């Protein structure tokens, strides 16, 4: 059984990115589901991946994502947060 959103309020993490794709900053914003009917179903798949039921959990996740991105690149899987190109072998190219 998958976990779903159990509260009326969630916190959503967003990142500020420059033109080169580098992370500059992040924000944690409160989103009231009571004002947006049907949003909980759309946000359920993102629970724990940018959408959280507590501000503290959202901030910890955002800080982890932000610090991982700024401490060294390992390919990032879905695109490099350092704006670098990867050959697919783990070798980084400036």
Protein backbone atom coordinates (compact mmCIF):
# COMPACT_ATOMS: atom_id res chain seq x y z
CA UNK A 1 0.00 0.00 0.00
CA UNK A 2 1.44 3.38 -0.98
CA UNK A 3 1.54 6.26 1.42
CA UNK A 4 -0.63 9.24 0.57
CA UNK A 5 -0.90 12.79 1.79
CA UNK A 6 -2.72 12.79 5.12
CA UNK A 7 -2.84 16.51 5.92
CA UNK A 8 -4.47 19.63 4.51
CA UNK A 9 -1.16 21.44 4.18
CA UNK A 10 2.05 20.36 2.43
CA UNK A 11 5.40 22.05 1.92
CA UNK A 12 6.87 22.18 -1.58
CA UNK A 13 10.58 22.64 -2.31
CA UNK A 14 11.64 24.65 -5.34
CA UNK A 15 15.13 25.45 -6.56
CA UNK A 16 16.50 28.59 -8.20
CA UNK A 17 18.72 27.64 -11.13
CA UNK A 18 20.90 29.91 -13.29
CA UNK A 19 21.04 29.84 -17.11
CA UNK A 20 23.84 27.24 -17.00
CA UNK A 21 21.75 24.91 -14.82
CA UNK A 22 23.62 25.51 -11.56
CA UNK A 23 21.66 25.58 -8.29
CA UNK A 24 21.67 29.04 -6.73
CA UNK A 25 19.18 28.71 -3.87
CA UNK A 26 16.07 26.87 -2.72
CA UNK A 27 12.74 27.79 -1.16
CA UNK A 28 10.28 25.84 0.99
CA UNK A 29 6.73 27.06 0.51
CA UNK A 30 3.52 26.10 2.27
CA UNK A 31 0.66 24.90 0.03
CA UNK A 32 -2.88 24.64 1.43
CA UNK A 33 -4.62 21.70 -0.23
CA UNK A 34 -8.05 22.88 0.99
CA UNK A 35 -7.81 25.75 -1.49
CA UNK A 36 -6.97 23.45 -4.42
CA UNK A 37 -9.34 20.51 -4.79
CA UNK A 38 -7.78 17.54 -6.54
CA UNK A 39 -4.20 18.68 -5.90
CA UNK A 40 -3.49 16.00 -3.29
CA UNK A 41 -3.93 13.23 -5.88
CA UNK A 42 -1.54 14.98 -8.26
CA UNK A 43 1.04 15.61 -5.51
CA UNK A 44 0.94 12.10 -3.97
CA UNK A 45 3.61 10.70 -6.34
CA UNK A 46 5.95 13.53 -5.28
CA UNK A 47 5.62 12.90 -1.54
CA UNK A 48 9.18 12.67 -0.22
CA UNK A 49 10.58 13.96 -3.52
CA UNK A 50 9.98 17.70 -3.20
CA UNK A 51 6.59 17.57 -1.46
CA UNK A 52 6.43 17.00 2.30
CA UNK A 53 3.94 17.02 5.16
CA UNK A 54 6.25 19.00 7.45
CA UNK A 55 8.33 22.12 6.90
CA UNK A 56 11.26 20.58 8.79
CA UNK A 57 11.32 17.49 6.59
CA UNK A 58 11.15 19.67 3.46
CA UNK A 59 14.03 21.86 4.63
CA UNK A 60 16.23 18.87 5.50
CA UNK A 61 15.59 17.29 2.09
CA UNK A 62 16.26 20.57 0.26
CA UNK A 63 19.50 21.15 2.16
CA UNK A 64 20.64 17.61 1.35
CA UNK A 65 19.86 18.04 -2.36
CA UNK A 66 21.53 21.44 -2.45
CA UNK A 67 24.67 20.34 -0.58
CA UNK A 68 25.04 17.14 -2.64
CA UNK A 69 24.91 19.22 -5.77
CA UNK A 70 27.56 21.64 -4.58
CA UNK A 71 30.08 19.17 -3.15
CA UNK A 72 31.08 17.24 -6.22
CA UNK A 73 29.38 15.77 -9.20
CA UNK A 74 28.73 12.10 -9.70
CA UNK A 75 26.66 12.39 -12.85
CA UNK A 76 23.41 13.25 -11.11
CA UNK A 77 21.53 10.68 -13.18
CA UNK A 78 18.89 12.99 -14.61
CA UNK A 79 21.22 15.79 -15.61
CA UNK A 80 24.18 17.41 -13.98
CA UNK A 81 23.51 20.03 -11.36
CA UNK A 82 26.90 21.59 -12.11
CA UNK A 83 26.09 22.29 -15.72
CA UNK A 84 28.82 19.87 -16.86
CA UNK A 85 28.60 17.27 -19.60
CA UNK A 86 29.13 13.60 -18.86
CA UNK A 87 30.35 10.87 -21.15
CA UNK A 88 28.31 8.25 -19.30
CA UNK A 89 31.44 6.73 -17.75
CA UNK A 90 31.59 9.07 -14.78
CA UNK A 91 34.25 11.22 -16.44
CA UNK A 92 33.46 14.90 -16.17
CA UNK A 93 34.19 17.40 -18.90
CA UNK A 94 34.27 21.13 -18.36
